Amino acid sequence: MRTVTARWKGLLRTGDGLGIINSAICIVHCLAMPLLIAAGAGFFEHPSVSWVFIVLAFLAVRSAIRSNRNAPVAMVLGIGWGLFAFALALEGVDERLELLAYAGSAILIIGHILNWLDLRP
């Protein structure tokens, strides 16, 4: 049986690890934007930052799905990524979509944790 430390170190080498970290950083980034802009770090608001998060999330979901053939979790990850990508891509059109991006990111975190633990929703 693997130790807890070994299990966590193993997570960092997987698509699930990338997904959890990417989604968590994205949520922190979005919540901290007002402070970052006030501090003069407005470049974090550039649209390319959102696209980096979208692409990293896609790569993490693809890797996680390939490594574990859990269909229900794959559906959760796909729905989470779809909401996340849709909301971030159209965030400039309506700021309320930011809430949908938070929801998508949270769903991605949950899906990656379920996939990593090999649990079925």
PDB file of N, CA and C in Angstrom:
ATOM      1  N   MET A   1       0.837  -1.186   0.000  1.00  0.00           N
ATOM      2  CA  MET A   1       0.000   0.000   0.000  1.00  0.00           C
ATOM      3  C   MET A   1       0.882   1.250   0.000  1.00  0.00           C
ATOM      4  N   ARG A   2       0.513   2.201  -0.843  1.00  0.00           N
ATOM      5  CA  ARG A   2       1.310   3.416  -0.963  1.00  0.00           C
ATOM      6  C   ARG A   2       1.035   4.344   0.208  1.00  0.00           C
ATOM      7  N   THR A   3       2.077   5.050   0.610  1.00  0.00           N
ATOM      8  CA  THR A   3       1.897   6.024   1.686  1.00  0.00           C
ATOM      9  C   THR A   3       1.168   7.239   1.132  1.00  0.00           C
ATOM     10  N   VAL A   4       0.641   8.029   2.031  1.00  0.00           N
ATOM     11  CA  VAL A   4      -0.069   9.243   1.627  1.00  0.00           C
ATOM     12  C   VAL A   4       0.870  10.171   0.870  1.00  0.00           C
ATOM     13  N   THR A   5       2.098  10.305   1.337  1.00  0.00           N
ATOM     14  CA  THR A   5       3.069  11.167   0.676  1.00  0.00           C
ATOM     15  C   THR A   5       3.357  10.686  -0.738  1.00  0.00           C
ATOM     16  N   ALA A   6       3.534   9.387  -0.907  1.00  0.00           N
ATOM     17  CA  ALA A   6       3.799   8.837  -2.238  1.00  0.00           C
ATOM     18  C   ALA A   6       2.601   9.041  -3.153  1.00  0.00           C
ATOM     19  N   ARG A   7       1.404   8.905  -2.608  1.00  0.00           N
ATOM     20  CA  ARG A   7       0.196   9.107  -3.411  1.00  0.00           C
ATOM     21  C   ARG A   7       0.100  10.554  -3.891  1.00  0.00           C
ATOM     22  N   TRP A   8       0.390  11.531  -3.010  1.00  0.00           N
ATOM     23  CA  TRP A   8       0.343  12.940  -3.399  1.00  0.00           C
ATOM     24  C   TRP A   8       1.435  13.271  -4.413  1.00  0.00           C
ATOM     25  N   LYS A   9       2.634  12.715  -4.230  1.00  0.00           N
ATOM     26  CA  LYS A   9       3.710  12.951  -5.199  1.00  0.00           C
ATOM     27  C   LYS A   9       3.325  12.375  -6.558  1.00  0.00           C
ATOM     28  N   GLY A  10       2.656  11.225  -6.558  1.00  0.00           N
ATOM     29  CA  GLY A  10       2.202  10.617  -7.803  1.00  0.00           C
ATOM     30  C   GLY A  10       1.156  11.469  -8.494  1.00  0.00           C
ATOM     31  N   LEU A  11       0.322  12.150  -7.723  1.00  0.00           N
ATOM     32  CA  LEU A  11      -0.709  13.018  -8.295  1.00  0.00           C
ATOM     33  C   LEU A  11      -0.103  14.114  -9.146  1.00  0.00           C
ATOM     34  N   LEU A  12       1.007  14.665  -8.695  1.00  0.00           N
ATOM     35  CA  LEU A  12       1.621  15.778  -9.407  1.00  0.00           C
ATOM     36  C   LEU A  12       2.142  15.379 -10.783  1.00  0.00           C
ATOM     37  N   ARG A  13       2.255  14.087 -11.052  1.00  0.00           N
ATOM     38  CA  ARG A  13       2.750  13.616 -12.349  1.00  0.00           C
ATOM     39  C   ARG A  13       1.626  13.179 -13.283  1.00  0.00           C
ATOM     40  N   THR A  14       0.385  13.510 -12.955  1.00  0.00           N
ATOM     41  CA  THR A  14      -0.747  13.054 -13.747  1.00  0.00           C
ATOM     42  C   THR A  14      -1.527  14.221 -14.331  1.00  0.00           C
ATOM     43  N   GLY A  15      -2.398  13.899 -15.276  1.00  0.00           N
ATOM     44  CA  GLY A  15      -3.303  14.906 -15.813  1.00  0.00           C
ATOM     45  C   GLY A  15      -4.240  15.418 -14.745  1.00  0.00           C
ATOM     46  N   ASP A  16      -4.600  14.550 -13.798  1.00  0.00           N
ATOM     47  CA  ASP A  16      -5.459  14.982 -12.705  1.00  0.00           C
ATOM     48  C   ASP A  16      -4.758  16.022 -11.841  1.00  0.00           C
ATOM     49  N   GLY A  17      -3.494  15.816 -11.589  1.00  0.00           N
ATOM     50  CA  GLY A  17      -2.729  16.796 -10.810  1.00  0.00           C
ATOM     51  C   GLY A  17      -2.672  18.136 -11.522  1.00  0.00           C
ATOM     52  N   LEU A  18      -2.373  18.102 -12.820  1.00  0.00           N
ATOM     53  CA  LEU A  18      -2.354  19.337 -13.613  1.00  0.00           C
ATOM     54  C   LEU A  18      -3.718  20.006 -13.571  1.00  0.00           C
ATOM     55  N   GLY A  19      -4.771  19.212 -13.690  1.00  0.00           N
ATOM     56  CA  GLY A  19      -6.122  19.764 -13.703  1.00  0.00           C
ATOM     57  C   GLY A  19      -6.506  20.411 -12.384  1.00  0.00           C
ATOM     58  N   ILE A  20      -6.215  19.736 -11.289  1.00  0.00           N
ATOM     59  CA  ILE A  20      -6.538  20.279  -9.969  1.00  0.00           C
ATOM     60  C   ILE A  20      -5.772  21.575  -9.728  1.00  0.00           C
ATOM     61  N   ILE A  21      -4.485  21.557 -10.016  1.00  0.00           N
ATOM     62  CA  ILE A  21      -3.651  22.741  -9.799  1.00  0.00           C
ATOM     63  C   ILE A  21      -4.081  23.879 -10.721  1.00  0.00           C
ATOM     64  N   ASN A  22      -4.305  23.582 -12.003  1.00  0.00           N
ATOM     65  CA  ASN A  22      -4.727  24.604 -12.961  1.00  0.00           C
ATOM     66  C   ASN A  22      -6.050  25.235 -12.542  1.00  0.00           C
ATOM     67  N   SER A  23      -7.023  24.423 -12.169  1.00  0.00           N
ATOM     68  CA  SER A  23      -8.335  24.945 -11.780  1.00  0.00           C
ATOM     69  C   SER A  23      -8.242  25.775 -10.501  1.00  0.00           C
ATOM     70  N   ALA A  24      -7.462  25.313  -9.551  1.00  0.00           N
ATOM     71  CA  ALA A  24      -7.312  26.063  -8.301  1.00  0.00           C
ATOM     72  C   ALA A  24      -6.622  27.405  -8.550  1.00  0.00           C
ATOM     73  N   ILE A  25      -5.573  27.404  -9.363  1.00  0.00           N
ATOM     74  CA  ILE A  25      -4.883  28.657  -9.689  1.00  0.00           C
ATOM     75  C   ILE A  25      -5.818  29.592 -10.442  1.00  0.00           C
ATOM     76  N   CYS A  26      -6.634  29.046 -11.319  1.00  0.00           N
ATOM     77  CA  CYS A  26      -7.586  29.866 -12.073  1.00  0.00           C
ATOM     78  C   CYS A  26      -8.582  30.555 -11.140  1.00  0.00           C
ATOM     79  N   ILE A  27      -9.128  29.799 -10.184  1.00  0.00           N
ATOM     80  CA  ILE A  27     -10.073  30.386  -9.239  1.00  0.00           C
ATOM     81  C   ILE A  27      -9.403  31.489  -8.422  1.00  0.00           C
ATOM     82  N   VAL A  28      -8.201  31.224  -7.932  1.00  0.00           N
ATOM     83  CA  VAL A  28      -7.475  32.236  -7.162  1.00  0.00           C
ATOM     84  C   VAL A  28      -7.197  33.458  -8.037  1.00  0.00           C
ATOM     85  N   HIS A  29      -6.780  33.232  -9.277  1.00  0.00           N
ATOM     86  CA  HIS A  29      -6.507  34.310 -10.223  1.00  0.00           C
ATOM     87  C   HIS A  29      -7.742  35.186 -10.409  1.00  0.00           C
ATOM     88  N   CYS A  30      -8.885  34.558 -10.640  1.00  0.00           N
ATOM     89  CA  CYS A  30     -10.117  35.325 -10.870  1.00  0.00           C
ATOM     90  C   CYS A  30     -10.547  36.103  -9.629  1.00  0.00           C
ATOM     91  N   LEU A  31     -10.451  35.470  -8.483  1.00  0.00           N
ATOM     92  CA  LEU A  31     -10.841  36.152  -7.252  1.00  0.00           C
ATOM     93  C   LEU A  31      -9.886  37.288  -6.889  1.00  0.00           C
ATOM     94  N   ALA A  32      -8.616  37.145  -7.260  1.00  0.00           N
ATOM     95  CA  ALA A  32      -7.615  38.153  -6.916  1.00  0.00           C
ATOM     96  C   ALA A  32      -7.502  39.275  -7.950  1.00  0.00           C
ATOM     97  N   MET A  33      -8.213  39.177  -9.062  1.00  0.00           N
ATOM     98  CA  MET A  33      -8.074  40.181 -10.129  1.00  0.00           C
ATOM     99  C   MET A  33      -8.265  41.622  -9.652  1.00  0.00           C
ATOM    100  N   PRO A  34      -9.281  41.917  -8.853  1.00  0.00           N
ATOM    101  CA  PRO A  34      -9.411  43.318  -8.411  1.00  0.00           C
ATOM    102  C   PRO A  34      -8.176  43.815  -7.662  1.00  0.00           C
ATOM    103  N   LEU A  35      -7.597  42.953  -6.828  1.00  0.00           N
ATOM    104  CA  LEU A  35      -6.391  43.345  -6.102  1.00  0.00           C
ATOM    105  C   LEU A  35      -5.191  43.482  -7.030  1.00  0.00           C
ATOM    106  N   LEU A  36      -5.079  42.569  -7.995  1.00  0.00           N
ATOM    107  CA  LEU A  36      -3.963  42.631  -8.939  1.00  0.00           C
ATOM    108  C   LEU A  36      -4.034  43.901  -9.789  1.00  0.00           C
ATOM    109  N   ILE A  37      -5.224  44.249 -10.230  1.00  0.00           N
ATOM    110  CA  ILE A  37      -5.392  45.462 -11.042  1.00  0.00           C
ATOM    111  C   ILE A  37      -5.083  46.698 -10.199  1.00  0.00           C
ATOM    112  N   ALA A  38      -5.572  46.718  -8.955  1.00  0.00           N
ATOM    113  CA  ALA A  38      -5.299  47.850  -8.065  1.00  0.00           C
ATOM    114  C   ALA A  38      -3.810  47.990  -7.777  1.00  0.00           C
ATOM    115  N   ALA A  39      -3.100  46.861  -7.788  1.00  0.00           N
ATOM    116  CA  ALA A  39      -1.656  46.877  -7.526  1.00  0.00           C
ATOM    117  C   ALA A  39      -0.850  47.180  -8.780  1.00  0.00           C
ATOM    118  N   GLY A  40      -1.539  47.399  -9.895  1.00  0.00           N
ATOM    119  CA  GLY A  40      -0.835  47.739 -11.134  1.00  0.00           C
ATOM    120  C   GLY A  40      -0.458  46.546 -11.980  1.00  0.00           C
ATOM    121  N   ALA A  41      -0.965  45.376 -11.662  1.00  0.00           N
ATOM    122  CA  ALA A  41      -0.643  44.165 -12.425  1.00  0.00           C
ATOM    123  C   ALA A  41      -1.800  43.825 -13.360  1.00  0.00           C
ATOM    124  N   GLY A  42      -2.255  44.800 -14.113  1.00  0.00           N
ATOM    125  CA  GLY A  42      -3.391  44.620 -15.007  1.00  0.00           C
ATOM    126  C   GLY A  42      -3.136  43.662 -16.152  1.00  0.00           C
ATOM    127  N   PHE A  43      -1.865  43.341 -16.428  1.00  0.00           N
ATOM    128  CA  PHE A  43      -1.558  42.416 -17.519  1.00  0.00           C
ATOM    129  C   PHE A  43      -2.143  41.031 -17.257  1.00  0.00           C
ATOM    130  N   PHE A  44      -2.457  40.719 -15.991  1.00  0.00           N
ATOM    131  CA  PHE A  44      -3.090  39.438 -15.680  1.00  0.00           C
ATOM    132  C   PHE A  44      -4.514  39.362 -16.221  1.00  0.00           C
ATOM    133  N   GLU A  45      -5.063  40.523 -16.624  1.00  0.00           N
ATOM    134  CA  GLU A  45      -6.417  40.572 -17.154  1.00  0.00           C
ATOM    135  C   GLU A  45      -6.439  40.336 -18.663  1.00  0.00           C
ATOM    136  N   HIS A  46      -5.287  40.246 -19.290  1.00  0.00           N
ATOM    137  CA  HIS A  46      -5.208  40.059 -20.739  1.00  0.00           C
ATOM    138  C   HIS A  46      -5.932  38.773 -21.141  1.00  0.00           C
ATOM    139  N   PRO A  47      -6.683  38.804 -22.266  1.00  0.00           N
ATOM    140  CA  PRO A  47      -7.435  37.613 -22.698  1.00  0.00           C
ATOM    141  C   PRO A  47      -6.579  36.365 -22.910  1.00  0.00           C
ATOM    142  N   SER A  48      -5.317  36.539 -23.232  1.00  0.00           N
ATOM    143  CA  SER A  48      -4.472  35.360 -23.463  1.00  0.00           C
ATOM    144  C   SER A  48      -4.299  34.535 -22.183  1.00  0.00           C
ATOM    145  N   VAL A  49      -4.410  35.169 -21.018  1.00  0.00           N
ATOM    146  CA  VAL A  49      -4.312  34.427 -19.762  1.00  0.00           C
ATOM    147  C   VAL A  49      -5.465  33.432 -19.667  1.00  0.00           C
ATOM    148  N   SER A  50      -6.662  33.871 -20.047  1.00  0.00           N
ATOM    149  CA  SER A  50      -7.821  32.969 -20.038  1.00  0.00           C
ATOM    150  C   SER A  50      -7.608  31.804 -20.985  1.00  0.00           C
ATOM    151  N   TRP A  51      -7.052  32.081 -22.162  1.00  0.00           N
ATOM    152  CA  TRP A  51      -6.830  31.006 -23.131  1.00  0.00           C
ATOM    153  C   TRP A  51      -5.786  30.012 -22.645  1.00  0.00           C
ATOM    154  N   VAL A  52      -4.800  30.478 -21.887  1.00  0.00           N
ATOM    155  CA  VAL A  52      -3.816  29.556 -21.299  1.00  0.00           C
ATOM    156  C   VAL A  52      -4.519  28.605 -20.334  1.00  0.00           C
ATOM    157  N   PHE A  53      -5.412  29.147 -19.499  1.00  0.00           N
ATOM    158  CA  PHE A  53      -6.158  28.297 -18.569  1.00  0.00           C
ATOM    159  C   PHE A  53      -7.044  27.299 -19.320  1.00  0.00           C
ATOM    160  N   ILE A  54      -7.688  27.744 -20.403  1.00  0.00           N
ATOM    161  CA  ILE A  54      -8.561  26.864 -21.187  1.00  0.00           C
ATOM    162  C   ILE A  54      -7.757  25.714 -21.797  1.00  0.00           C
ATOM    163  N   VAL A  55      -6.615  26.037 -22.398  1.00  0.00           N
ATOM    164  CA  VAL A  55      -5.789  25.011 -23.047  1.00  0.00           C
ATOM    165  C   VAL A  55      -5.220  24.036 -22.008  1.00  0.00           C
ATOM    166  N   LEU A  56      -4.716  24.560 -20.887  1.00  0.00           N
ATOM    167  CA  LEU A  56      -4.190  23.667 -19.845  1.00  0.00           C
ATOM    168  C   LEU A  56      -5.283  22.763 -19.288  1.00  0.00           C
ATOM    169  N   ALA A  57      -6.486  23.312 -19.121  1.00  0.00           N
ATOM    170  CA  ALA A  57      -7.606  22.496 -18.638  1.00  0.00           C
ATOM    171  C   ALA A  57      -7.935  21.399 -19.645  1.00  0.00           C
ATOM    172  N   PHE A  58      -7.931  21.735 -20.934  1.00  0.00           N
ATOM    173  CA  PHE A  58      -8.212  20.733 -21.962  1.00  0.00           C
ATOM    174  C   PHE A  58      -7.170  19.620 -21.936  1.00  0.00           C
ATOM    175  N   LEU A  59      -5.894  19.994 -21.865  1.00  0.00           N
ATOM    176  CA  LEU A  59      -4.823  18.990 -21.836  1.00  0.00           C
ATOM    177  C   LEU A  59      -4.938  18.091 -20.596  1.00  0.00           C
ATOM    178  N   ALA A  60      -5.283  18.690 -19.457  1.00  0.00           N
ATOM    179  CA  ALA A  60      -5.433  17.907 -18.229  1.00  0.00           C
ATOM    180  C   ALA A  60      -6.609  16.941 -18.337  1.00  0.00           C
ATOM    181  N   VAL A  61      -7.729  17.415 -18.880  1.00  0.00           N
ATOM    182  CA  VAL A  61      -8.909  16.549 -19.034  1.00  0.00           C
ATOM    183  C   VAL A  61      -8.598  15.411 -19.995  1.00  0.00           C
ATOM    184  N   ARG A  62      -7.971  15.738 -21.119  1.00  0.00           N
ATOM    185  CA  ARG A  62      -7.623  14.699 -22.099  1.00  0.00           C
ATOM    186  C   ARG A  62      -6.701  13.652 -21.490  1.00  0.00           C
ATOM    187  N   SER A  63      -5.697  14.094 -20.758  1.00  0.00           N
ATOM    188  CA  SER A  63      -4.765  13.168 -20.131  1.00  0.00           C
ATOM    189  C   SER A  63      -5.463  12.317 -19.067  1.00  0.00           C
ATOM    190  N   ALA A  64      -6.318  12.937 -18.275  1.00  0.00           N
ATOM    191  CA  ALA A  64      -7.019  12.210 -17.213  1.00  0.00           C
ATOM    192  C   ALA A  64      -7.961  11.161 -17.793  1.00  0.00           C
ATOM    193  N   ILE A  65      -8.662  11.512 -18.862  1.00  0.00           N
ATOM    194  CA  ILE A  65      -9.595  10.571 -19.478  1.00  0.00           C
ATOM    195  C   ILE A  65      -8.855   9.409 -20.123  1.00  0.00           C
ATOM    196  N   ARG A  66      -7.724   9.687 -20.733  1.00  0.00           N
ATOM    197  CA  ARG A  66      -6.943   8.614 -21.370  1.00  0.00           C
ATOM    198  C   ARG A  66      -6.362   7.643 -20.350  1.00  0.00           C
ATOM    199  N   SER A  67      -6.020   8.155 -19.169  1.00  0.00           N
ATOM    200  CA  SER A  67      -5.378   7.289 -18.178  1.00  0.00           C
ATOM    201  C   SER A  67      -6.377   6.472 -17.368  1.00  0.00           C
ATOM    202  N   ASN A  68      -7.661   6.831 -17.424  1.00  0.00           N
ATOM    203  CA  ASN A  68      -8.665   6.131 -16.623  1.00  0.00           C
ATOM    204  C   ASN A  68      -9.959   6.084 -17.420  1.00  0.00           C
ATOM    205  N   ARG A  69     -10.423   4.921 -17.747  1.00  0.00           N
ATOM    206  CA  ARG A  69     -11.612   4.746 -18.600  1.00  0.00           C
ATOM    207  C   ARG A  69     -12.915   4.787 -17.794  1.00  0.00           C
ATOM    208  N   ASN A  70     -13.045   5.720 -16.900  1.00  0.00           N
ATOM    209  CA  ASN A  70     -14.217   5.866 -16.057  1.00  0.00           C
ATOM    210  C   ASN A  70     -15.198   6.800 -16.769  1.00  0.00           C
ATOM    211  N   ALA A  71     -16.209   6.234 -17.435  1.00  0.00           N
ATOM    212  CA  ALA A  71     -17.123   7.022 -18.267  1.00  0.00           C
ATOM    213  C   ALA A  71     -17.883   8.102 -17.502  1.00  0.00           C
ATOM    214  N   PRO A  72     -18.433   7.823 -16.311  1.00  0.00           N
ATOM    215  CA  PRO A  72     -19.131   8.895 -15.597  1.00  0.00           C
ATOM    216  C   PRO A  72     -18.214  10.064 -15.228  1.00  0.00           C
ATOM    217  N   VAL A  73     -17.005   9.748 -14.804  1.00  0.00           N
ATOM    218  CA  VAL A  73     -16.064  10.815 -14.452  1.00  0.00           C
ATOM    219  C   VAL A  73     -15.647  11.572 -15.712  1.00  0.00           C
ATOM    220  N   ALA A  74     -15.465  10.866 -16.817  1.00  0.00           N
ATOM    221  CA  ALA A  74     -15.132  11.532 -18.078  1.00  0.00           C
ATOM    222  C   ALA A  74     -16.237  12.518 -18.464  1.00  0.00           C
ATOM    223  N   MET A  75     -17.496  12.142 -18.216  1.00  0.00           N
ATOM    224  CA  MET A  75     -18.603  13.040 -18.521  1.00  0.00           C
ATOM    225  C   MET A  75     -18.561  14.271 -17.605  1.00  0.00           C
ATOM    226  N   VAL A  76     -18.265  14.071 -16.324  1.00  0.00           N
ATOM    227  CA  VAL A  76     -18.154  15.193 -15.389  1.00  0.00           C
ATOM    228  C   VAL A  76     -17.039  16.134 -15.846  1.00  0.00           C
ATOM    229  N   LEU A  77     -15.901  15.567 -16.214  1.00  0.00           N
ATOM    230  CA  LEU A  77     -14.775  16.387 -16.676  1.00  0.00           C
ATOM    231  C   LEU A  77     -15.122  17.133 -17.965  1.00  0.00           C
ATOM    232  N   GLY A  78     -15.801  16.458 -18.883  1.00  0.00           N
ATOM    233  CA  GLY A  78     -16.194  17.108 -20.137  1.00  0.00           C
ATOM    234  C   GLY A  78     -17.169  18.249 -19.913  1.00  0.00           C
ATOM    235  N   ILE A  79     -18.151  18.040 -19.053  1.00  0.00           N
ATOM    236  CA  ILE A  79     -19.118  19.097 -18.740  1.00  0.00           C
ATOM    237  C   ILE A  79     -18.414  20.264 -18.041  1.00  0.00           C
ATOM    238  N   GLY A  80     -17.557  19.949 -17.092  1.00  0.00           N
ATOM    239  CA  GLY A  80     -16.815  21.000 -16.389  1.00  0.00           C
ATOM    240  C   GLY A  80     -15.962  21.817 -17.344  1.00  0.00           C
ATOM    241  N   TRP A  81     -15.245  21.128 -18.246  1.00  0.00           N
ATOM    242  CA  TRP A  81     -14.404  21.848 -19.195  1.00  0.00           C
ATOM    243  C   TRP A  81     -15.258  22.677 -20.153  1.00  0.00           C
ATOM    244  N   GLY A  82     -16.374  22.127 -20.608  1.00  0.00           N
ATOM    245  CA  GLY A  82     -17.243  22.861 -21.521  1.00  0.00           C
ATOM    246  C   GLY A  82     -17.768  24.146 -20.900  1.00  0.00           C
ATOM    247  N   LEU A  83     -18.252  24.067 -19.674  1.00  0.00           N
ATOM    248  CA  LEU A  83     -18.735  25.262 -18.971  1.00  0.00           C
ATOM    249  C   LEU A  83     -17.611  26.273 -18.778  1.00  0.00           C
ATOM    250  N   PHE A  84     -16.468  25.757 -18.339  1.00  0.00           N
ATOM    251  CA  PHE A  84     -15.300  26.596 -18.076  1.00  0.00           C
ATOM    252  C   PHE A  84     -14.842  27.325 -19.342  1.00  0.00           C
ATOM    253  N   ALA A  85     -14.667  26.571 -20.431  1.00  0.00           N
ATOM    254  CA  ALA A  85     -14.178  27.155 -21.682  1.00  0.00           C
ATOM    255  C   ALA A  85     -15.195  28.136 -22.268  1.00  0.00           C
ATOM    256  N   PHE A  86     -16.470  27.763 -22.268  1.00  0.00           N
ATOM    257  CA  PHE A  86     -17.529  28.636 -22.785  1.00  0.00           C
ATOM    258  C   PHE A  86     -17.546  29.958 -22.027  1.00  0.00           C
ATOM    259  N   ALA A  87     -17.521  29.865 -20.696  1.00  0.00           N
ATOM    260  CA  ALA A  87     -17.607  31.067 -19.873  1.00  0.00           C
ATOM    261  C   ALA A  87     -16.391  31.966 -20.044  1.00  0.00           C
ATOM    262  N   LEU A  88     -15.199  31.384 -20.075  1.00  0.00           N
ATOM    263  CA  LEU A  88     -14.003  32.218 -20.231  1.00  0.00           C
ATOM    264  C   LEU A  88     -13.904  32.818 -21.634  1.00  0.00           C
ATOM    265  N   ALA A  89     -14.296  32.049 -22.636  1.00  0.00           N
ATOM    266  CA  ALA A  89     -14.205  32.556 -24.010  1.00  0.00           C
ATOM    267  C   ALA A  89     -15.156  33.726 -24.240  1.00  0.00           C
ATOM    268  N   LEU A  90     -16.296  33.715 -23.566  1.00  0.00           N
ATOM    269  CA  LEU A  90     -17.298  34.764 -23.772  1.00  0.00           C
ATOM    270  C   LEU A  90     -17.407  35.726 -22.590  1.00  0.00           C
ATOM    271  N   GLU A  91     -16.465  35.689 -21.697  1.00  0.00           N
ATOM    272  CA  GLU A  91     -16.498  36.523 -20.506  1.00  0.00           C
ATOM    273  C   GLU A  91     -16.562  38.016 -20.842  1.00  0.00           C
ATOM    274  N   GLY A  92     -15.929  38.418 -21.940  1.00  0.00           N
ATOM    275  CA  GLY A  92     -15.943  39.818 -22.342  1.00  0.00           C
ATOM    276  C   GLY A  92     -17.310  40.291 -22.796  1.00  0.00           C
ATOM    277  N   VAL A  93     -18.179  39.368 -23.202  1.00  0.00           N
ATOM    278  CA  VAL A  93     -19.517  39.705 -23.670  1.00  0.00           C
ATOM    279  C   VAL A  93     -20.437  40.015 -22.487  1.00  0.00           C
ATOM    280  N   ASP A  94     -20.355  39.215 -21.435  1.00  0.00           N
ATOM    281  CA  ASP A  94     -21.207  39.379 -20.268  1.00  0.00           C
ATOM    282  C   ASP A  94     -20.424  38.960 -19.031  1.00  0.00           C
ATOM    283  N   GLU A  95     -20.213  39.891 -18.120  1.00  0.00           N
ATOM    284  CA  GLU A  95     -19.400  39.602 -16.938  1.00  0.00           C
ATOM    285  C   GLU A  95     -20.022  38.550 -16.025  1.00  0.00           C
ATOM    286  N   ARG A  96     -21.326  38.323 -16.147  1.00  0.00           N
ATOM    287  CA  ARG A  96     -21.980  37.306 -15.320  1.00  0.00           C
ATOM    288  C   ARG A  96     -21.482  35.907 -15.649  1.00  0.00           C
ATOM    289  N   LEU A  97     -20.890  35.747 -16.827  1.00  0.00           N
ATOM    290  CA  LEU A  97     -20.351  34.434 -17.192  1.00  0.00           C
ATOM    291  C   LEU A  97     -19.184  34.022 -16.297  1.00  0.00           C
ATOM    292  N   GLU A  98     -18.636  34.989 -15.589  1.00  0.00           N
ATOM    293  CA  GLU A  98     -17.550  34.687 -14.658  1.00  0.00           C
ATOM    294  C   GLU A  98     -18.007  33.664 -13.615  1.00  0.00           C
ATOM    295  N   LEU A  99     -19.252  33.768 -13.180  1.00  0.00           N
ATOM    296  CA  LEU A  99     -19.784  32.801 -12.214  1.00  0.00           C
ATOM    297  C   LEU A  99     -19.844  31.402 -12.810  1.00  0.00           C
ATOM    298  N   LEU A 100     -20.168  31.322 -14.090  1.00  0.00           N
ATOM    299  CA  LEU A 100     -20.195  30.024 -14.769  1.00  0.00           C
ATOM    300  C   LEU A 100     -18.780  29.444 -14.866  1.00  0.00           C
ATOM    301  N   ALA A 101     -17.799  30.316 -15.055  1.00  0.00           N
ATOM    302  CA  ALA A 101     -16.403  29.859 -15.090  1.00  0.00           C
ATOM    303  C   ALA A 101     -15.989  29.290 -13.736  1.00  0.00           C
ATOM    304  N   TYR A 102     -16.422  29.942 -12.643  1.00  0.00           N
ATOM    305  CA  TYR A 102     -16.137  29.414 -11.307  1.00  0.00           C
ATOM    306  C   TYR A 102     -16.760  28.028 -11.138  1.00  0.00           C
ATOM    307  N   ALA A 103     -18.004  27.898 -11.574  1.00  0.00           N
ATOM    308  CA  ALA A 103     -18.696  26.609 -11.459  1.00  0.00           C
ATOM    309  C   ALA A 103     -17.981  25.536 -12.277  1.00  0.00           C
ATOM    310  N   GLY A 104     -17.605  25.871 -13.518  1.00  0.00           N
ATOM    311  CA  GLY A 104     -16.890  24.925 -14.366  1.00  0.00           C
ATOM    312  C   GLY A 104     -15.568  24.510 -13.751  1.00  0.00           C
ATOM    313  N   SER A 105     -14.861  25.470 -13.181  1.00  0.00           N
ATOM    314  CA  SER A 105     -13.576  25.180 -12.550  1.00  0.00           C
ATOM    315  C   SER A 105     -13.756  24.275 -11.336  1.00  0.00           C
ATOM    316  N   ALA A 106     -14.787  24.539 -10.542  1.00  0.00           N
ATOM    317  CA  ALA A 106     -15.062  23.689  -9.377  1.00  0.00           C
ATOM    318  C   ALA A 106     -15.439  22.277  -9.812  1.00  0.00           C
ATOM    319  N   ILE A 107     -16.236  22.157 -10.873  1.00  0.00           N
ATOM    320  CA  ILE A 107     -16.595  20.840 -11.403  1.00  0.00           C
ATOM    321  C   ILE A 107     -15.353  20.104 -11.890  1.00  0.00           C
ATOM    322  N   LEU A 108     -14.439  20.829 -12.529  1.00  0.00           N
ATOM    323  CA  LEU A 108     -13.184  20.213 -12.986  1.00  0.00           C
ATOM    324  C   LEU A 108     -12.375  19.684 -11.801  1.00  0.00           C
ATOM    325  N   ILE A 109     -12.277  20.468 -10.739  1.00  0.00           N
ATOM    326  CA  ILE A 109     -11.530  20.016  -9.563  1.00  0.00           C
ATOM    327  C   ILE A 109     -12.158  18.739  -9.000  1.00  0.00           C
ATOM    328  N   ILE A 110     -13.476  18.748  -8.852  1.00  0.00           N
ATOM    329  CA  ILE A 110     -14.176  17.574  -8.324  1.00  0.00           C
ATOM    330  C   ILE A 110     -13.972  16.365  -9.246  1.00  0.00           C
ATOM    331  N   GLY A 111     -14.110  16.587 -10.556  1.00  0.00           N
ATOM    332  CA  GLY A 111     -13.927  15.495 -11.513  1.00  0.00           C
ATOM    333  C   GLY A 111     -12.526  14.915 -11.472  1.00  0.00           C
ATOM    334  N   HIS A 112     -11.512  15.782 -11.373  1.00  0.00           N
ATOM    335  CA  HIS A 112     -10.133  15.284 -11.309  1.00  0.00           C
ATOM    336  C   HIS A 112      -9.879  14.526 -10.014  1.00  0.00           C
ATOM    337  N   ILE A 113     -10.456  14.989  -8.914  1.00  0.00           N
ATOM    338  CA  ILE A 113     -10.286  14.266  -7.650  1.00  0.00           C
ATOM    339  C   ILE A 113     -10.964  12.897  -7.735  1.00  0.00           C
ATOM    340  N   LEU A 114     -12.186  12.857  -8.285  1.00  0.00           N
ATOM    341  CA  LEU A 114     -12.876  11.576  -8.460  1.00  0.00           C
ATOM    342  C   LEU A 114     -12.073  10.639  -9.354  1.00  0.00           C
ATOM    343  N   ASN A 115     -11.519  11.184 -10.432  1.00  0.00           N
ATOM    344  CA  ASN A 115     -10.731  10.375 -11.358  1.00  0.00           C
ATOM    345  C   ASN A 115      -9.455   9.872 -10.693  1.00  0.00           C
ATOM    346  N   TRP A 116      -8.791  10.748  -9.961  1.00  0.00           N
ATOM    347  CA  TRP A 116      -7.546  10.381  -9.285  1.00  0.00           C
ATOM    348  C   TRP A 116      -7.780   9.288  -8.255  1.00  0.00           C
ATOM    349  N   LEU A 117      -8.896   9.410  -7.521  1.00  0.00           N
ATOM    350  CA  LEU A 117      -9.213   8.396  -6.519  1.00  0.00           C
ATOM    351  C   LEU A 117      -9.919   7.192  -7.124  1.00  0.00           C
ATOM    352  N   ASP A 118     -10.194   7.255  -8.422  1.00  0.00           N
ATOM    353  CA  ASP A 118     -10.893   6.209  -9.158  1.00  0.00           C
ATOM    354  C   ASP A 118     -12.278   5.929  -8.543  1.00  0.00           C
ATOM    355  N   LEU A 119     -12.990   7.028  -8.263  1.00  0.00           N
ATOM    356  CA  LEU A 119     -14.337   6.927  -7.699  1.00  0.00           C
ATOM    357  C   LEU A 119     -15.368   7.213  -8.788  1.00  0.00           C
ATOM    358  N   ARG A 120     -16.535   6.716  -8.597  1.00  0.00           N
ATOM    359  CA  ARG A 120     -17.638   6.957  -9.535  1.00  0.00           C
ATOM    360  C   ARG A 120     -18.627   7.909  -8.884  1.00  0.00           C
ATOM    361  N   PRO A 121     -19.059   8.957  -9.624  1.00  0.00           N
ATOM    362  CA  PRO A 121     -19.983   9.919  -9.011  1.00  0.00           C
ATOM    363  C   PRO A 121     -21.346   9.298  -8.736  1.00  0.00           C
TER     364      PRO A 121
END
